[in-house]
C-alpha atoms as a PDB file:
ATOM      1  CA  MET A   1      -0.481 130.737-120.167  1.00  0.00           C
ATOM      2  CA  ASN A   2      -2.261 129.322-123.263  1.00  0.00           C
ATOM      3  CA  ALA A   3      -4.601 132.139-123.227  1.00  0.00           C
ATOM      4  CA  LEU A   4      -1.974 134.608-123.759  1.00  0.00           C
ATOM      5  CA  CYS A   5      -1.507 133.234-127.211  1.00  0.00           C
ATOM      6  CA  GLU A   6      -5.201 133.921-128.038  1.00  0.00           C
ATOM      7  CA  ARG A   7      -5.552 136.050-131.257  1.00  0.00           C
ATOM      8  CA  TYR A   8      -8.548 138.166-130.697  1.00  0.00           C
ATOM      9  CA  TRP A   9      -9.664 140.141-127.284  1.00  0.00           C
ATOM     10  CA  ALA A  10     -12.685 141.792-125.958  1.00  0.00           C
ATOM     11  CA  MET A  11     -10.874 143.235-122.730  1.00  0.00           C
ATOM     12  CA  GLN A  12      -9.558 146.504-121.615  1.00  0.00           C
ATOM     13  CA  PRO A  13      -6.372 147.295-123.196  1.00  0.00           C
ATOM     14  CA  GLY A  14      -4.829 148.205-119.877  1.00  0.00           C
ATOM     15  CA  ALA A  15      -5.925 145.237-118.216  1.00  0.00           C
ATOM     16  CA  ALA A  16      -4.431 142.991-121.036  1.00  0.00           C
ATOM     17  CA  ALA A  17      -1.214 145.124-121.455  1.00  0.00           C
ATOM     18  CA  ALA A  18      -0.519 144.811-117.501  1.00  0.00           C
ATOM     19  CA  LEU A  19      -1.266 141.007-117.862  1.00  0.00           C
ATOM     20  CA  MET A  20       1.374 140.562-120.544  1.00  0.00           C
ATOM     21  CA  LEU A  21       3.759 142.979-119.052  1.00  0.00           C
ATOM     22  CA  GLY A  22       3.750 141.143-115.869  1.00  0.00           C
ATOM     23  CA  VAL A  23       4.214 137.365-117.146  1.00  0.00           C
ATOM     24  CA  GLN A  24       7.046 138.488-119.499  1.00  0.00           C
ATOM     25  CA  ALA A  25       9.000 140.817-116.821  1.00  0.00           C
ATOM     26  CA  ASN A  26       8.151 139.125-113.749  1.00  0.00           C
ATOM     27  CA  GLY A  27       7.273 135.527-114.299  1.00  0.00           C
ATOM     28  CA  LEU A  28       3.900 135.570-112.919  1.00  0.00           C
ATOM     29  CA  LYS A  29       2.609 132.448-111.631  1.00  0.00           C
ATOM     30  CA  ILE A  30      -0.680 131.688-113.228  1.00  0.00           C
ATOM     31  CA  GLU A  31      -3.132 129.515-111.389  1.00  0.00           C
ATOM     32  CA  SER A  32      -6.986 128.953-111.851  1.00  0.00           C
ATOM     33  CA  ARG A  33      -9.478 129.746-108.874  1.00  0.00           C
ATOM     34  CA  LYS A  34     -11.610 126.705-107.452  1.00  0.00           C
ATOM     35  CA  ALA A  35     -14.353 127.755-105.734  1.00  0.00           C
ATOM     36  CA  ASN A  36     -17.126 129.889-107.529  1.00  0.00           C
ATOM     37  CA  MET A  37     -20.980 129.104-107.535  1.00  0.00           C
ATOM     38  CA  LYS A  38     -22.892 129.140-104.418  1.00  0.00           C
ATOM     39  CA  THR A  39     -26.395 128.726-103.805  1.00  0.00           C
ATOM     40  CA  LEU A  40     -27.986 131.203-101.572  1.00  0.00           C
ATOM     41  CA  ARG A  41     -31.577 131.539 -99.764  1.00  0.00           C
ATOM     42  CA  VAL A  42     -33.737 134.779-100.310  1.00  0.00           C
ATOM     43  CA  ALA A  43     -36.925 135.333 -98.739  1.00  0.00           C
ATOM     44  CA  GLN A  44     -39.570 137.509-100.465  1.00  0.00           C
ATOM     45  CA  ASP A  45     -41.155 138.420 -96.892  1.00  0.00           C
ATOM     46  CA  ASN A  46     -38.099 139.948 -95.416  1.00  0.00           C
ATOM     47  CA  GLU A  47     -35.233 139.949 -97.767  1.00  0.00           C
ATOM     48  CA  THR A  48     -33.218 137.654 -95.663  1.00  0.00           C
ATOM     49  CA  VAL A  49     -30.292 136.188 -97.406  1.00  0.00           C
ATOM     50  CA  GLY A  50     -27.939 133.336 -96.019  1.00  0.00           C
ATOM     51  CA  GLY A  51     -27.070 129.689 -95.986  1.00  0.00           C
ATOM     52  CA  ASN A  52     -29.894 128.428 -93.912  1.00  0.00           C
ATOM     53  CA  ALA A  53     -33.307 126.916 -95.442  1.00  0.00           C
ATOM     54  CA  ILE A  54     -36.004 129.598 -94.778  1.00  0.00           C
ATOM     55  CA  GLN A  55     -39.761 128.064 -94.884  1.00  0.00           C
ATOM     56  CA  GLY A  56     -42.828 129.735 -96.728  1.00  0.00           C
ATOM     57  CA  ARG A  57     -41.768 131.841 -99.641  1.00  0.00           C
ATOM     58  CA  ALA A  58     -38.000 131.369 -99.663  1.00  0.00           C
ATOM     59  CA  GLY A  59     -36.693 130.647-102.854  1.00  0.00           C
ATOM     60  CA  GLN A  60     -32.828 129.695-103.787  1.00  0.00           C
ATOM     61  CA  VAL A  61     -30.739 131.630-105.946  1.00  0.00           C
ATOM     62  CA  ALA A  62     -27.511 130.369-107.549  1.00  0.00           C
ATOM     63  CA  VAL A  63     -24.773 132.903-107.668  1.00  0.00           C
ATOM     64  CA  ILE A  64     -22.008 132.397-110.208  1.00  0.00           C
ATOM     65  CA  SER A  65     -19.056 134.926-109.583  1.00  0.00           C
ATOM     66  CA  MET A  66     -17.514 135.881-112.967  1.00  0.00           C
ATOM     67  CA  MET A  67     -14.364 137.774-111.784  1.00  0.00           C
ATOM     68  CA  GLY A  68     -11.030 138.779-113.251  1.00  0.00           C
ATOM     69  CA  ALA A  69      -9.817 138.055-116.875  1.00  0.00           C
ATOM     70  CA  MET A  70     -12.203 135.536-119.248  1.00  0.00           C
ATOM     71  CA  THR A  71     -10.614 132.909-121.288  1.00  0.00           C
ATOM     72  CA  ARG A  72     -11.767 129.454-122.772  1.00  0.00           C
ATOM     73  CA  TYR A  73     -10.198 127.180-120.431  1.00  0.00           C
ATOM     74  CA  GLY A  74      -9.609 129.124-117.115  1.00  0.00           C
ATOM     75  CA  ASP A  75      -6.097 130.437-117.006  1.00  0.00           C
ATOM     76  CA  LEU A  76      -5.373 133.890-115.909  1.00  0.00           C
ATOM     77  CA  CYS A  77      -6.743 133.100-112.340  1.00  0.00           C
ATOM     78  CA  ALA A  78     -10.227 132.665-113.031  1.00  0.00           C
ATOM     79  CA  PHE A  79     -13.018 129.980-114.314  1.00  0.00           C
ATOM     80  CA  GLY A  80     -13.159 129.378-117.992  1.00  0.00           C
ATOM     81  CA  THR A  81     -16.167 129.969-120.187  1.00  0.00           C
ATOM     82  CA  ASP A  82     -16.781 126.371-120.580  1.00  0.00           C
ATOM     83  CA  GLU A  83     -16.605 125.955-116.678  1.00  0.00           C
ATOM     84  CA  TYR A  84     -19.261 128.677-116.233  1.00  0.00           C
ATOM     85  CA  ILE A  85     -21.788 126.924-118.742  1.00  0.00           C
ATOM     86  CA  ASP A  86     -21.434 123.881-116.687  1.00  0.00           C
ATOM     87  CA  GLN A  87     -22.223 125.980-113.530  1.00  0.00           C
ATOM     88  CA  ILE A  88     -25.026 127.576-115.414  1.00  0.00           C
ATOM     89  CA  ASN A  89     -26.665 124.020-116.593  1.00  0.00           C
ATOM     90  CA  GLN A  90     -26.080 122.669-112.788  1.00  0.00           C
ATOM     91  CA  ALA A  91     -28.318 125.408-111.670  1.00  0.00           C
ATOM     92  CA  ASN A  92     -30.915 124.914-114.384  1.00  0.00           C
ATOM     93  CA  ALA A  93     -31.023 121.130-113.312  1.00  0.00           C
ATOM     94  CA  ASP A  94     -31.293 121.806-109.495  1.00  0.00           C
ATOM     95  CA  ASP A  95     -34.871 122.031-108.517  1.00  0.00           C
ATOM     96  CA  SER A  96     -34.328 124.029-105.488  1.00  0.00           C
ATOM     97  CA  VAL A  97     -32.745 126.573-107.504  1.00  0.00           C
ATOM     98  CA  SER A  98     -35.471 129.334-108.592  1.00  0.00           C
ATOM     99  CA  ALA A  99     -33.025 131.613-110.316  1.00  0.00           C
ATOM    100  CA  ILE A 100     -29.619 132.422-111.177  1.00  0.00           C
ATOM    101  CA  VAL A 101     -27.564 135.737-110.545  1.00  0.00           C
ATOM    102  CA  ILE A 102     -24.201 136.318-112.334  1.00  0.00           C
ATOM    103  CA  ARG A 103     -21.680 138.442-109.919  1.00  0.00           C
ATOM    104  CA  ALA A 104     -19.469 140.296-112.291  1.00  0.00           C
ATOM    105  CA  ASP A 105     -16.262 142.215-111.970  1.00  0.00           C
ATOM    106  CA  SER A 106     -14.093 141.751-114.876  1.00  0.00           C
ATOM    107  CA  PRO A 107     -12.088 143.556-117.682  1.00  0.00           C
ATOM    108  CA  GLY A 108     -13.099 140.954-119.996  1.00  0.00           C
ATOM    109  CA  GLY A 109     -10.969 138.638-121.922  1.00  0.00           C
ATOM    110  CA  THR A 110     -10.400 136.339-125.086  1.00  0.00           C
ATOM    111  CA  VAL A 111     -13.290 136.133-127.812  1.00  0.00           C
ATOM    112  CA  ASN A 112     -12.742 132.492-127.822  1.00  0.00           C
ATOM    113  CA  GLY A 113     -15.913 130.805-125.979  1.00  0.00           C
ATOM    114  CA  ILE A 114     -17.629 134.304-125.252  1.00  0.00           C
ATOM    115  CA  GLU A 115     -20.427 133.674-127.714  1.00  0.00           C
ATOM    116  CA  THR A 116     -21.087 130.436-126.569  1.00  0.00           C
ATOM    117  CA  LEU A 117     -21.427 131.418-123.055  1.00  0.00           C
ATOM    118  CA  ALA A 118     -23.205 134.479-124.132  1.00  0.00           C
ATOM    119  CA  LEU A 119     -25.925 132.114-125.556  1.00  0.00           C
ATOM    120  CA  ALA A 120     -25.825 129.803-122.295  1.00  0.00           C
ATOM    121  CA  VAL A 121     -26.974 133.020-120.473  1.00  0.00           C
ATOM    122  CA  ARG A 122     -29.739 133.878-122.689  1.00  0.00           C
ATOM    123  CA  ASN A 123     -31.262 130.625-123.370  1.00  0.00           C
ATOM    124  CA  SER A 124     -30.936 129.599-119.617  1.00  0.00           C
ATOM    125  CA  ALA A 125     -34.259 127.688-118.465  1.00  0.00           C
ATOM    126  CA  LYS A 126     -34.103 129.794-115.230  1.00  0.00           C
ATOM    127  CA  PRO A 127     -33.918 133.822-115.438  1.00  0.00           C
ATOM    128  CA  VAL A 128     -30.180 135.120-115.128  1.00  0.00           C
ATOM    129  CA  VAL A 129     -29.741 138.598-113.397  1.00  0.00           C
ATOM    130  CA  ALA A 130     -26.490 140.308-113.158  1.00  0.00           C
ATOM    131  CA  TRP A 131     -24.932 142.061-110.632  1.00  0.00           C
ATOM    132  CA  VAL A 132     -21.758 144.275-111.324  1.00  0.00           C
ATOM    133  CA  ALA A 133     -19.715 145.499-108.486  1.00  0.00           C
ATOM    134  CA  GLY A 134     -16.524 147.153-109.992  1.00  0.00           C
ATOM    135  CA  GLY A 135     -16.829 146.671-113.561  1.00  0.00           C
ATOM    136  CA  SER A 136     -18.126 144.684-116.501  1.00  0.00           C
ATOM    137  CA  PHE A 137     -16.425 145.359-119.640  1.00  0.00           C
ATOM    138  CA  SER A 138     -15.895 144.106-123.098  1.00  0.00           C
ATOM    139  CA  ALA A 139     -16.013 140.200-123.267  1.00  0.00           C
ATOM    140  CA  ASN A 140     -17.855 140.091-119.735  1.00  0.00           C
ATOM    141  CA  TYR A 141     -20.358 142.682-120.806  1.00  0.00           C
ATOM    142  CA  TRP A 142     -21.013 140.729-123.910  1.00  0.00           C
ATOM    143  CA  VAL A 143     -22.085 137.957-121.416  1.00  0.00           C
ATOM    144  CA  ILE A 144     -23.916 139.920-119.140  1.00  0.00           C
ATOM    145  CA  SER A 145     -26.032 141.855-121.827  1.00  0.00           C
ATOM    146  CA  GLN A 146     -27.846 138.535-122.322  1.00  0.00           C
ATOM    147  CA  CYS A 147     -29.279 138.690-118.798  1.00  0.00           C
ATOM    148  CA  ALA A 148     -33.006 139.544-118.101  1.00  0.00           C
ATOM    149  CA  GLU A 149     -31.719 142.540-115.854  1.00  0.00           C
ATOM    150  CA  ILE A 150     -28.594 144.074-114.929  1.00  0.00           C
ATOM    151  CA  PHE A 151     -27.732 145.769-111.579  1.00  0.00           C
ATOM    152  CA  LEU A 152     -25.023 148.102-110.720  1.00  0.00           C
ATOM    153  CA  GLU A 153     -23.747 148.138-107.173  1.00  0.00           C
ATOM    154  CA  SER A 154     -22.909 151.850-107.693  1.00  0.00           C
ATOM    155  CA  LYS A 155     -23.977 154.942-109.760  1.00  0.00           C
ATOM    156  CA  ILE A 156     -20.071 155.843-109.538  1.00  0.00           C
ATOM    157  CA  SER A 157     -17.869 153.410-109.026  1.00  0.00           C
ATOM    158  CA  SER A 158     -19.682 150.644-111.158  1.00  0.00           C
ATOM    159  CA  GLU A 159     -18.636 151.004-114.723  1.00  0.00           C
ATOM    160  CA  VAL A 160     -19.881 148.889-117.995  1.00  0.00           C
ATOM    161  CA  GLY A 161     -19.112 148.912-121.628  1.00  0.00           C
ATOM    162  CA  SER A 162     -15.883 148.919-123.658  1.00  0.00           C
ATOM    163  CA  ILE A 163     -17.727 147.306-126.579  1.00  0.00           C
ATOM    164  CA  GLY A 164     -15.181 146.254-129.119  1.00  0.00           C
ATOM    165  CA  VAL A 165     -12.840 143.694-130.476  1.00  0.00           C
ATOM    166  CA  TYR A 166      -8.966 144.201-131.289  1.00  0.00           C
ATOM    167  CA  SER A 167      -6.141 142.209-131.961  1.00  0.00           C
ATOM    168  CA  ILE A 168      -2.396 142.862-130.963  1.00  0.00           C
ATOM    169  CA  GLN A 169       0.509 142.728-133.956  1.00  0.00           C
ATOM    170  CA  GLU A 170       3.714 143.177-132.990  1.00  0.00           C
ATOM    171  CA  ASP A 171       6.793 144.295-135.576  1.00  0.00           C
ATOM    172  CA  TRP A 172      10.381 143.165-134.275  1.00  0.00           C
ATOM    173  CA  THR A 173      12.034 143.718-137.831  1.00  0.00           C
ATOM    174  CA  GLU A 174      13.546 147.117-136.754  1.00  0.00           C
ATOM    175  CA  ALA A 175      14.986 145.966-133.204  1.00  0.00           C
ATOM    176  CA  LEU A 176      16.000 142.526-134.792  1.00  0.00           C
ATOM    177  CA  GLN A 177      17.922 144.403-137.754  1.00  0.00           C
ATOM    178  CA  LYS A 178      19.867 146.505-134.995  1.00  0.00           C
ATOM    179  CA  GLN A 179      20.788 143.713-132.808  1.00  0.00           C
ATOM    180  CA  GLY A 180      22.443 142.308-136.080  1.00  0.00           C
ATOM    181  CA  ARG A 181      19.831 139.426-136.429  1.00  0.00           C
ATOM    182  CA  LYS A 182      17.532 137.985-139.146  1.00  0.00           C
ATOM    183  CA  VAL A 183      14.825 135.538-138.851  1.00  0.00           C
ATOM    184  CA  THR A 184      13.628 133.636-141.783  1.00  0.00           C
ATOM    185  CA  ILE A 185      10.255 131.535-142.005  1.00  0.00           C
ATOM    186  CA  VAL A 186      10.315 128.817-144.561  1.00  0.00           C
ATOM    187  CA  ARG A 187       6.780 128.096-145.645  1.00  0.00           C
ATOM    188  CA  ALA A 188       5.802 125.169-147.784  1.00  0.00           C
ATOM    189  CA  GLU A 189       5.171 125.497-151.293  1.00  0.00           C
ATOM    190  CA  GLY A 190       1.661 126.931-151.913  1.00  0.00           C
ATOM    191  CA  CYS A 191       1.017 128.291-148.446  1.00  0.00           C
ATOM    192  CA  ASP A 192       2.590 131.702-149.022  1.00  0.00           C
ATOM    193  CA  GLU A 193      -0.155 133.189-146.628  1.00  0.00           C
ATOM    194  CA  LYS A 194       0.853 131.095-143.715  1.00  0.00           C
ATOM    195  CA  VAL A 195       1.575 133.272-140.487  1.00  0.00           C
ATOM    196  CA  ALA A 196       1.360 136.391-143.018  1.00  0.00           C
ATOM    197  CA  LEU A 197       1.179 138.236-139.559  1.00  0.00           C
ATOM    198  CA  ASN A 198       4.182 137.584-137.529  1.00  0.00           C
ATOM    199  CA  PRO A 199       6.871 139.752-135.594  1.00  0.00           C
ATOM    200  CA  PHE A 200       9.624 138.766-137.727  1.00  0.00           C
ATOM    201  CA  GLU A 201       8.572 140.437-141.188  1.00  0.00           C
ATOM    202  CA  VAL A 202       6.986 143.358-142.378  1.00  0.00           C
ATOM    203  CA  ALA A 203       3.168 142.648-142.875  1.00  0.00           C
ATOM    204  CA  PRO A 204       2.481 141.917-146.474  1.00  0.00           C
ATOM    205  CA  GLU A 205       0.088 143.911-148.353  1.00  0.00           C
ATOM    206  CA  GLY A 206      -3.365 143.313-147.373  1.00  0.00           C
ATOM    207  CA  ALA A 207      -2.588 141.234-144.327  1.00  0.00           C
ATOM    208  CA  LEU A 208      -3.446 144.190-141.675  1.00  0.00           C
ATOM    209  CA  GLU A 209      -6.960 144.881-143.835  1.00  0.00           C
ATOM    210  CA  ALA A 210      -7.688 141.010-143.415  1.00  0.00           C
ATOM    211  CA  GLU A 211      -7.217 140.835-139.652  1.00  0.00           C
ATOM    212  CA  ARG A 212      -9.309 144.150-139.390  1.00  0.00           C
ATOM    213  CA  ALA A 213     -11.958 142.515-141.440  1.00  0.00           C
ATOM    214  CA  VAL A 214     -12.080 139.418-139.038  1.00  0.00           C
ATOM    215  CA  ALA A 215     -12.119 141.577-135.913  1.00  0.00           C
ATOM    216  CA  THR A 216     -15.038 143.847-137.426  1.00  0.00           C
ATOM    217  CA  SER A 217     -17.156 140.460-138.091  1.00  0.00           C
ATOM    218  CA  ILE A 218     -16.704 139.596-134.633  1.00  0.00           C
ATOM    219  CA  PHE A 219     -17.418 143.191-133.411  1.00  0.00           C
ATOM    220  CA  LYS A 220     -20.877 143.327-135.345  1.00  0.00           C
ATOM    221  CA  LEU A 221     -21.751 140.012-133.733  1.00  0.00           C
ATOM    222  CA  PHE A 222     -21.099 141.330-130.222  1.00  0.00           C
ATOM    223  CA  LYS A 223     -23.113 144.406-131.010  1.00  0.00           C
ATOM    224  CA  ALA A 224     -25.932 142.354-132.541  1.00  0.00           C
ATOM    225  CA  GLN A 225     -26.388 140.060-129.886  1.00  0.00           C
ATOM    226  CA  VAL A 226     -26.225 143.143-127.213  1.00  0.00           C
ATOM    227  CA  LYS A 227     -29.155 144.764-129.477  1.00  0.00           C
ATOM    228  CA  GLU A 228     -31.237 141.460-129.761  1.00  0.00           C
ATOM    229  CA  VAL A 229     -31.740 141.627-125.671  1.00  0.00           C
ATOM    230  CA  ARG A 230     -31.127 145.397-125.305  1.00  0.00           C
ATOM    231  CA  PRO A 231     -32.751 147.095-128.181  1.00  0.00           C
ATOM    232  CA  GLN A 232     -32.403 150.358-126.458  1.00  0.00           C
ATOM    233  CA  VAL A 233     -29.053 150.530-126.499  1.00  0.00           C
ATOM    234  CA  ASP A 234     -27.859 153.093-129.411  1.00  0.00           C
ATOM    235  CA  ASP A 235     -24.849 152.450-131.569  1.00  0.00           C
ATOM    236  CA  GLU A 236     -23.290 155.457-130.104  1.00  0.00           C
ATOM    237  CA  ALA A 237     -22.810 153.465-126.696  1.00  0.00           C
ATOM    238  CA  MET A 238     -20.824 150.687-128.747  1.00  0.00           C
ATOM    239  CA  LYS A 239     -17.694 152.433-129.941  1.00  0.00           C
ATOM    240  CA  GLY A 240     -15.645 151.045-127.050  1.00  0.00           C
ATOM    241  CA  ARG A 241     -16.224 153.586-124.284  1.00  0.00           C
ATOM    242  CA  THR A 242     -16.902 152.808-120.898  1.00  0.00           C
ATOM    243  CA  TYR A 243     -19.594 154.206-118.898  1.00  0.00           C
ATOM    244  CA  GLN A 244     -20.109 154.874-115.116  1.00  0.00           C
ATOM    245  CA  GLY A 245     -23.276 153.576-113.570  1.00  0.00           C
ATOM    246  CA  PHE A 246     -25.295 156.885-113.719  1.00  0.00           C
ATOM    247  CA  GLU A 247     -24.817 156.984-117.662  1.00  0.00           C
ATOM    248  CA  ALA A 248     -25.175 153.363-117.988  1.00  0.00           C
ATOM    249  CA  LEU A 249     -28.899 153.789-116.821  1.00  0.00           C
ATOM    250  CA  LYS A 250     -29.391 156.267-119.323  1.00  0.00           C
ATOM    251  CA  ASN A 251     -27.829 154.709-122.348  1.00  0.00           C
ATOM    252  CA  GLY A 252     -29.834 151.254-121.755  1.00  0.00           C
ATOM    253  CA  LEU A 253     -26.568 149.360-120.995  1.00  0.00           C
ATOM    254  CA  ALA A 254     -27.653 148.668-117.260  1.00  0.00           C
ATOM    255  CA  ASP A 255     -31.118 148.867-115.541  1.00  0.00           C
ATOM    256  CA  LYS A 256     -30.905 149.489-111.824  1.00  0.00           C
ATOM    257  CA  ILE A 257     -28.526 150.365-109.284  1.00  0.00           C
ATOM    258  CA  GLY A 258     -28.947 147.951-106.299  1.00  0.00           C
ATOM    259  CA  THR A 259     -27.319 145.501-103.875  1.00  0.00           C
ATOM    260  CA  LEU A 260     -26.621 141.894-104.359  1.00  0.00           C
ATOM    261  CA  ARG A 261     -29.560 141.162-102.069  1.00  0.00           C
ATOM    262  CA  GLU A 262     -31.847 143.250-104.168  1.00  0.00           C
ATOM    263  CA  ALA A 263     -30.432 141.702-107.432  1.00  0.00           C
ATOM    264  CA  MET A 264     -30.981 138.043-105.967  1.00  0.00           C
ATOM    265  CA  LYS A 265     -34.545 139.053-104.756  1.00  0.00           C
ATOM    266  CA  ARG A 266     -35.478 140.132-108.152  1.00  0.00           C
ATOM    267  CA  ALA A 267     -34.136 137.203-109.807  1.00  0.00           C
ATOM    268  CA  ASP A 268     -36.037 134.892-107.687  1.00  0.00           C
ATOM    269  CA  GLN A 269     -39.204 137.050-108.322  1.00  0.00           C
ATOM    270  CA  LEU A 270     -38.635 136.455-111.953  1.00  0.00           C
ATOM    271  CA  GLY A 271     -38.099 132.771-111.372  1.00  0.00           C
ATOM    272  CA  ARG A 272     -41.337 132.518-109.287  1.00  0.00           C
ATOM    273  CA  GLN A 273     -43.359 134.445-112.299  1.00  0.00           C
ATOM    274  CA  LYS A 274     -41.636 131.876-115.021  1.00  0.00           C
ATOM    275  CA  ARG A 275     -42.708 128.838-112.764  1.00  0.00           C
ATOM    276  CA  ARG A 276     -46.430 129.962-112.610  1.00  0.00           C
ATOM    277  CA  GLN A 277     -46.538 130.594-116.308  1.00  0.00           C
ATOM    278  CA  HIS A 278     -45.591 127.057-116.766  1.00  0.00           C
ATOM    279  CA  SER A 279     -47.734 125.441-113.981  1.00  0.00           C
END
């Protein structure tokens, strides 16, 4: 529930609205999922993927599922960004793992913790490849944009993008007035700017502009980190739109269409190449 109180969001607005309405109207119970990272064998000779040890050129790839809304501490039926970082660190510390695949299907989430997770992906000692099933949007795309390569399951049903940041401010003043109610916020002397934006008072002059400035600074960082890893992405592709697979391949937001097995095989290849370079 703490995640619903976050100030800045990088998430599909429809998903955020549905989530909040569900909690407010239906008393939705929110729990965290508990099973996530798996290590799977991939054999370069015959592309077999499974749980059994394979001799010869077989590699082991850690598959980390990032599904559902993203928050720092793991509310909203999903793991938190801090937990994902721990899983990346575990995979890097496991000598039997050659690479990491992020299996993504997420509308995005809160900004808190996303930059740190994105940097953990970029700075991973072992190559990280993303595989997108349904969609990777906003905060989730911020994370997977830092991967060495991005695979999409489908040219049509897989989507990425929604690069942007926003906050939601409600104004209840007219509704309260119609109900004959008035709420007064008493601030200590000298802190007149405390909770300048709240639903009980009309926003003071400059408050919304200040809020927009903060969101804009986060957005600039978001775009800059995407461009650092994917310089081919044009600013036109980073204005909040979502893109189907065939569009994402053209504008540089994704690299290839393929199965999870193919993404794992490619990650393992990159891992082996890196090992040879350092041996």
